[in-house]
PDB file of N, CA and C in Angstrom:
ATOM      1  N   MET A   1      15.346 -26.757 -32.842  1.00  0.00           N
ATOM      2  CA  MET A   1      13.983 -26.870 -32.378  1.00  0.00           C
ATOM      3  C   MET A   1      13.972 -26.883 -30.855  1.00  0.00           C
ATOM      4  N   GLN A   2      13.099 -26.116 -30.266  1.00  0.00           N
ATOM      5  CA  GLN A   2      12.958 -26.087 -28.815  1.00  0.00           C
ATOM      6  C   GLN A   2      11.737 -26.892 -28.410  1.00  0.00           C
ATOM      7  N   LEU A   3      11.927 -27.738 -27.434  1.00  0.00           N
ATOM      8  CA  LEU A   3      10.816 -28.500 -26.889  1.00  0.00           C
ATOM      9  C   LEU A   3      10.339 -27.821 -25.618  1.00  0.00           C
ATOM     10  N   THR A   4       9.064 -27.783 -25.425  1.00  0.00           N
ATOM     11  CA  THR A   4       8.510 -27.176 -24.220  1.00  0.00           C
ATOM     12  C   THR A   4       7.536 -28.134 -23.561  1.00  0.00           C
ATOM     13  N   GLU A   5       7.338 -27.921 -22.296  1.00  0.00           N
ATOM     14  CA  GLU A   5       6.345 -28.675 -21.547  1.00  0.00           C
ATOM     15  C   GLU A   5       5.344 -27.693 -20.979  1.00  0.00           C
ATOM     16  N   ARG A   6       4.120 -28.119 -20.899  1.00  0.00           N
ATOM     17  CA  ARG A   6       3.078 -27.275 -20.330  1.00  0.00           C
ATOM     18  C   ARG A   6       2.442 -28.037 -19.179  1.00  0.00           C
ATOM     19  N   HIS A   7       2.449 -27.410 -18.026  1.00  0.00           N
ATOM     20  CA  HIS A   7       1.845 -28.009 -16.844  1.00  0.00           C
ATOM     21  C   HIS A   7       0.655 -27.155 -16.437  1.00  0.00           C
ATOM     22  N   ILE A   8      -0.507 -27.750 -16.420  1.00  0.00           N
ATOM     23  CA  ILE A   8      -1.717 -27.036 -16.026  1.00  0.00           C
ATOM     24  C   ILE A   8      -1.991 -27.362 -14.567  1.00  0.00           C
ATOM     25  N   ILE A   9      -1.992 -26.319 -13.742  1.00  0.00           N
ATOM     26  CA  ILE A   9      -2.184 -26.489 -12.303  1.00  0.00           C
ATOM     27  C   ILE A   9      -3.509 -25.845 -11.930  1.00  0.00           C
ATOM     28  N   LYS A  10      -4.391 -26.613 -11.392  1.00  0.00           N
ATOM     29  CA  LYS A  10      -5.709 -26.103 -11.012  1.00  0.00           C
ATOM     30  C   LYS A  10      -5.594 -25.241  -9.759  1.00  0.00           C
ATOM     31  N   SER A  11      -6.509 -24.312  -9.632  1.00  0.00           N
ATOM     32  CA  SER A  11      -6.481 -23.409  -8.480  1.00  0.00           C
ATOM     33  C   SER A  11      -6.796 -24.134  -7.178  1.00  0.00           C
ATOM     34  N   THR A  12      -7.270 -25.355  -7.261  1.00  0.00           N
ATOM     35  CA  THR A  12      -7.544 -26.136  -6.053  1.00  0.00           C
ATOM     36  C   THR A  12      -6.310 -26.874  -5.551  1.00  0.00           C
ATOM     37  N   GLU A  13      -5.242 -26.883  -6.349  1.00  0.00           N
ATOM     38  CA  GLU A  13      -3.983 -27.521  -5.945  1.00  0.00           C
ATOM     39  C   GLU A  13      -3.438 -26.796  -4.715  1.00  0.00           C
ATOM     40  N   HIS A  14      -2.949 -27.551  -3.741  1.00  0.00           N
ATOM     41  CA  HIS A  14      -2.515 -26.936  -2.480  1.00  0.00           C
ATOM     42  C   HIS A  14      -1.294 -26.031  -2.641  1.00  0.00           C
ATOM     43  N   ARG A  15      -0.517 -26.185  -3.697  1.00  0.00           N
ATOM     44  CA  ARG A  15       0.659 -25.341  -3.924  1.00  0.00           C
ATOM     45  C   ARG A  15       0.402 -24.229  -4.935  1.00  0.00           C
ATOM     46  N   PHE A  16      -0.835 -24.057  -5.353  1.00  0.00           N
ATOM     47  CA  PHE A  16      -1.164 -23.105  -6.418  1.00  0.00           C
ATOM     48  C   PHE A  16      -0.721 -21.680  -6.088  1.00  0.00           C
ATOM     49  N   ALA A  17      -1.002 -21.209  -4.898  1.00  0.00           N
ATOM     50  CA  ALA A  17      -0.668 -19.825  -4.527  1.00  0.00           C
ATOM     51  C   ALA A  17       0.838 -19.583  -4.584  1.00  0.00           C
ATOM     52  N   GLN A  18       1.607 -20.537  -4.099  1.00  0.00           N
ATOM     53  CA  GLN A  18       3.063 -20.394  -4.108  1.00  0.00           C
ATOM     54  C   GLN A  18       3.600 -20.417  -5.544  1.00  0.00           C
ATOM     55  N   ILE A  19       3.110 -21.323  -6.359  1.00  0.00           N
ATOM     56  CA  ILE A  19       3.553 -21.409  -7.752  1.00  0.00           C
ATOM     57  C   ILE A  19       3.161 -20.150  -8.515  1.00  0.00           C
ATOM     58  N   ASP A  20       1.962 -19.650  -8.281  1.00  0.00           N
ATOM     59  CA  ASP A  20       1.491 -18.437  -8.947  1.00  0.00           C
ATOM     60  C   ASP A  20       2.355 -17.233  -8.578  1.00  0.00           C
ATOM     61  N   GLU A  21       2.709 -17.117  -7.312  1.00  0.00           N
ATOM     62  CA  GLU A  21       3.557 -16.008  -6.855  1.00  0.00           C
ATOM     63  C   GLU A  21       4.949 -16.083  -7.482  1.00  0.00           C
ATOM     64  N   LEU A  22       5.534 -17.278  -7.535  1.00  0.00           N
ATOM     65  CA  LEU A  22       6.862 -17.433  -8.133  1.00  0.00           C
ATOM     66  C   LEU A  22       6.844 -17.152  -9.633  1.00  0.00           C
ATOM     67  N   ALA A  23       5.794 -17.581 -10.310  1.00  0.00           N
ATOM     68  CA  ALA A  23       5.674 -17.307 -11.741  1.00  0.00           C
ATOM     69  C   ALA A  23       5.551 -15.804 -11.988  1.00  0.00           C
ATOM     70  N   PHE A  24       4.801 -15.112 -11.152  1.00  0.00           N
ATOM     71  CA  PHE A  24       4.631 -13.663 -11.267  1.00  0.00           C
ATOM     72  C   PHE A  24       5.962 -12.946 -11.064  1.00  0.00           C
ATOM     73  N   LYS A  25       6.721 -13.354 -10.047  1.00  0.00           N
ATOM     74  CA  LYS A  25       8.026 -12.739  -9.785  1.00  0.00           C
ATOM     75  C   LYS A  25       9.012 -13.034 -10.906  1.00  0.00           C
ATOM     76  N   SER A  26       8.960 -14.246 -11.446  1.00  0.00           N
ATOM     77  CA  SER A  26       9.832 -14.619 -12.553  1.00  0.00           C
ATOM     78  C   SER A  26       9.553 -13.762 -13.779  1.00  0.00           C
ATOM     79  N   LYS A  27       8.283 -13.542 -14.085  1.00  0.00           N
ATOM     80  CA  LYS A  27       7.885 -12.699 -15.214  1.00  0.00           C
ATOM     81  C   LYS A  27       8.397 -11.275 -15.027  1.00  0.00           C
ATOM     82  N   ASN A  28       8.251 -10.739 -13.824  1.00  0.00           N
ATOM     83  CA  ASN A  28       8.702  -9.367 -13.558  1.00  0.00           C
ATOM     84  C   ASN A  28      10.216  -9.239 -13.655  1.00  0.00           C
ATOM     85  N   LEU A  29      10.947 -10.236 -13.177  1.00  0.00           N
ATOM     86  CA  LEU A  29      12.406 -10.218 -13.269  1.00  0.00           C
ATOM     87  C   LEU A  29      12.855 -10.262 -14.723  1.00  0.00           C
ATOM     88  N   TYR A  30      12.226 -11.121 -15.513  1.00  0.00           N
ATOM     89  CA  TYR A  30      12.548 -11.217 -16.938  1.00  0.00           C
ATOM     90  C   TYR A  30      12.294  -9.881 -17.634  1.00  0.00           C
ATOM     91  N   ASN A  31      11.148  -9.275 -17.362  1.00  0.00           N
ATOM     92  CA  ASN A  31      10.800  -8.001 -17.998  1.00  0.00           C
ATOM     93  C   ASN A  31      11.752  -6.882 -17.582  1.00  0.00           C
ATOM     94  N   ALA A  32      12.163  -6.867 -16.321  1.00  0.00           N
ATOM     95  CA  ALA A  32      13.100  -5.836 -15.851  1.00  0.00           C
ATOM     96  C   ALA A  32      14.455  -5.981 -16.538  1.00  0.00           C
ATOM     97  N   ALA A  33      14.950  -7.205 -16.639  1.00  0.00           N
ATOM     98  CA  ALA A  33      16.236  -7.441 -17.302  1.00  0.00           C
ATOM     99  C   ALA A  33      16.140  -7.106 -18.787  1.00  0.00           C
ATOM    100  N   ASN A  34      15.048  -7.475 -19.406  1.00  0.00           N
ATOM    101  CA  ASN A  34      14.842  -7.174 -20.821  1.00  0.00           C
ATOM    102  C   ASN A  34      14.797  -5.664 -21.055  1.00  0.00           C
ATOM    103  N   TYR A  35      14.188  -4.924 -20.142  1.00  0.00           N
ATOM    104  CA  TYR A  35      14.125  -3.464 -20.240  1.00  0.00           C
ATOM    105  C   TYR A  35      15.529  -2.860 -20.184  1.00  0.00           C
ATOM    106  N   VAL A  36      16.361  -3.330 -19.256  1.00  0.00           N
ATOM    107  CA  VAL A  36      17.729  -2.809 -19.126  1.00  0.00           C
ATOM    108  C   VAL A  36      18.523  -3.093 -20.396  1.00  0.00           C
ATOM    109  N   ILE A  37      18.425  -4.304 -20.906  1.00  0.00           N
ATOM    110  CA  ILE A  37      19.142  -4.668 -22.134  1.00  0.00           C
ATOM    111  C   ILE A  37      18.684  -3.789 -23.293  1.00  0.00           C
ATOM    112  N   ARG A  38      17.382  -3.580 -23.392  1.00  0.00           N
ATOM    113  CA  ARG A  38      16.823  -2.777 -24.478  1.00  0.00           C
ATOM    114  C   ARG A  38      17.269  -1.320 -24.382  1.00  0.00           C
ATOM    115  N   GLN A  39      17.276  -0.757 -23.180  1.00  0.00           N
ATOM    116  CA  GLN A  39      17.716   0.627 -23.007  1.00  0.00           C
ATOM    117  C   GLN A  39      19.188   0.783 -23.374  1.00  0.00           C
ATOM    118  N   ASN A  40      20.010  -0.179 -22.979  1.00  0.00           N
ATOM    119  CA  ASN A  40      21.430  -0.114 -23.328  1.00  0.00           C
ATOM    120  C   ASN A  40      21.623  -0.188 -24.836  1.00  0.00           C
ATOM    121  N   PHE A  41      20.821  -0.997 -25.505  1.00  0.00           N
ATOM    122  CA  PHE A  41      20.914  -1.102 -26.957  1.00  0.00           C
ATOM    123  C   PHE A  41      20.473   0.197 -27.631  1.00  0.00           C
ATOM    124  N   ILE A  42      19.357   0.754 -27.182  1.00  0.00           N
ATOM    125  CA  ILE A  42      18.809   1.968 -27.804  1.00  0.00           C
ATOM    126  C   ILE A  42      19.765   3.148 -27.644  1.00  0.00           C
ATOM    127  N   TYR A  43      20.330   3.318 -26.456  1.00  0.00           N
ATOM    128  CA  TYR A  43      21.201   4.460 -26.195  1.00  0.00           C
ATOM    129  C   TYR A  43      22.666   4.192 -26.519  1.00  0.00           C
ATOM    130  N   GLY A  44      22.984   2.989 -26.986  1.00  0.00           N
ATOM    131  CA  GLY A  44      24.341   2.676 -27.410  1.00  0.00           C
ATOM    132  C   GLY A  44      25.336   2.567 -26.278  1.00  0.00           C
ATOM    133  N   TRP A  45      24.866   2.152 -25.105  1.00  0.00           N
ATOM    134  CA  TRP A  45      25.754   2.037 -23.950  1.00  0.00           C
ATOM    135  C   TRP A  45      26.500   0.717 -23.909  1.00  0.00           C
ATOM    136  N   GLY A  46      26.258  -0.162 -24.834  1.00  0.00           N
ATOM    137  CA  GLY A  46      26.988  -1.419 -24.896  1.00  0.00           C
ATOM    138  C   GLY A  46      26.225  -2.583 -24.293  1.00  0.00           C
ATOM    139  N   TYR A  47      26.873  -3.720 -24.361  1.00  0.00           N
ATOM    140  CA  TYR A  47      26.282  -4.975 -23.915  1.00  0.00           C
ATOM    141  C   TYR A  47      26.385  -5.106 -22.397  1.00  0.00           C
ATOM    142  N   VAL A  48      25.335  -5.587 -21.767  1.00  0.00           N
ATOM    143  CA  VAL A  48      25.338  -5.833 -20.325  1.00  0.00           C
ATOM    144  C   VAL A  48      25.626  -7.313 -20.120  1.00  0.00           C
ATOM    145  N   ASN A  49      26.761  -7.622 -19.493  1.00  0.00           N
ATOM    146  CA  ASN A  49      27.088  -9.032 -19.287  1.00  0.00           C
ATOM    147  C   ASN A  49      26.321  -9.598 -18.092  1.00  0.00           C
ATOM    148  N   TYR A  50      26.451 -10.896 -17.903  1.00  0.00           N
ATOM    149  CA  TYR A  50      25.676 -11.593 -16.870  1.00  0.00           C
ATOM    150  C   TYR A  50      25.948 -11.029 -15.477  1.00  0.00           C
ATOM    151  N   ASN A  51      27.215 -10.816 -15.139  1.00  0.00           N
ATOM    152  CA  ASN A  51      27.562 -10.352 -13.796  1.00  0.00           C
ATOM    153  C   ASN A  51      27.034  -8.944 -13.526  1.00  0.00           C
ATOM    154  N   GLU A  52      27.105  -8.086 -14.526  1.00  0.00           N
ATOM    155  CA  GLU A  52      26.583  -6.729 -14.354  1.00  0.00           C
ATOM    156  C   GLU A  52      25.059  -6.748 -14.207  1.00  0.00           C
ATOM    157  N   MET A  53      24.396  -7.584 -15.010  1.00  0.00           N
ATOM    158  CA  MET A  53      22.939  -7.698 -14.907  1.00  0.00           C
ATOM    159  C   MET A  53      22.544  -8.252 -13.544  1.00  0.00           C
ATOM    160  N   ASN A  54      23.296  -9.209 -13.056  1.00  0.00           N
ATOM    161  CA  ASN A  54      23.039  -9.784 -11.733  1.00  0.00           C
ATOM    162  C   ASN A  54      23.137  -8.705 -10.657  1.00  0.00           C
ATOM    163  N   ARG A  55      24.166  -7.864 -10.747  1.00  0.00           N
ATOM    164  CA  ARG A  55      24.346  -6.774  -9.790  1.00  0.00           C
ATOM    165  C   ARG A  55      23.200  -5.770  -9.884  1.00  0.00           C
ATOM    166  N   LEU A  56      22.792  -5.438 -11.106  1.00  0.00           N
ATOM    167  CA  LEU A  56      21.702  -4.478 -11.291  1.00  0.00           C
ATOM    168  C   LEU A  56      20.377  -5.007 -10.744  1.00  0.00           C
ATOM    169  N   MET A  57      20.115  -6.271 -10.940  1.00  0.00           N
ATOM    170  CA  MET A  57      18.839  -6.842 -10.500  1.00  0.00           C
ATOM    171  C   MET A  57      18.785  -7.032  -8.984  1.00  0.00           C
ATOM    172  N   LYS A  58      19.935  -7.139  -8.336  1.00  0.00           N
ATOM    173  CA  LYS A  58      19.957  -7.278  -6.876  1.00  0.00           C
ATOM    174  C   LYS A  58      19.692  -5.952  -6.178  1.00  0.00           C
ATOM    175  N   SER A  59      20.011  -4.848  -6.852  1.00  0.00           N
ATOM    176  CA  SER A  59      19.826  -3.532  -6.217  1.00  0.00           C
ATOM    177  C   SER A  59      18.415  -3.026  -6.359  1.00  0.00           C
TER     178      SER A  59
END
């Protein structure tokens, strides 16, 4: 079982813009990595390990 926490941050919070930007970048990074993994699976290129994914995401 996975436990999760939900934090609701109002747009009037002084850190809202920074948190929103980081959440947006985090979502995009996750989606980009997921896309690479999915393409490797579909085309049979093999498993992408952590270090290779790290290198790909930095470029």
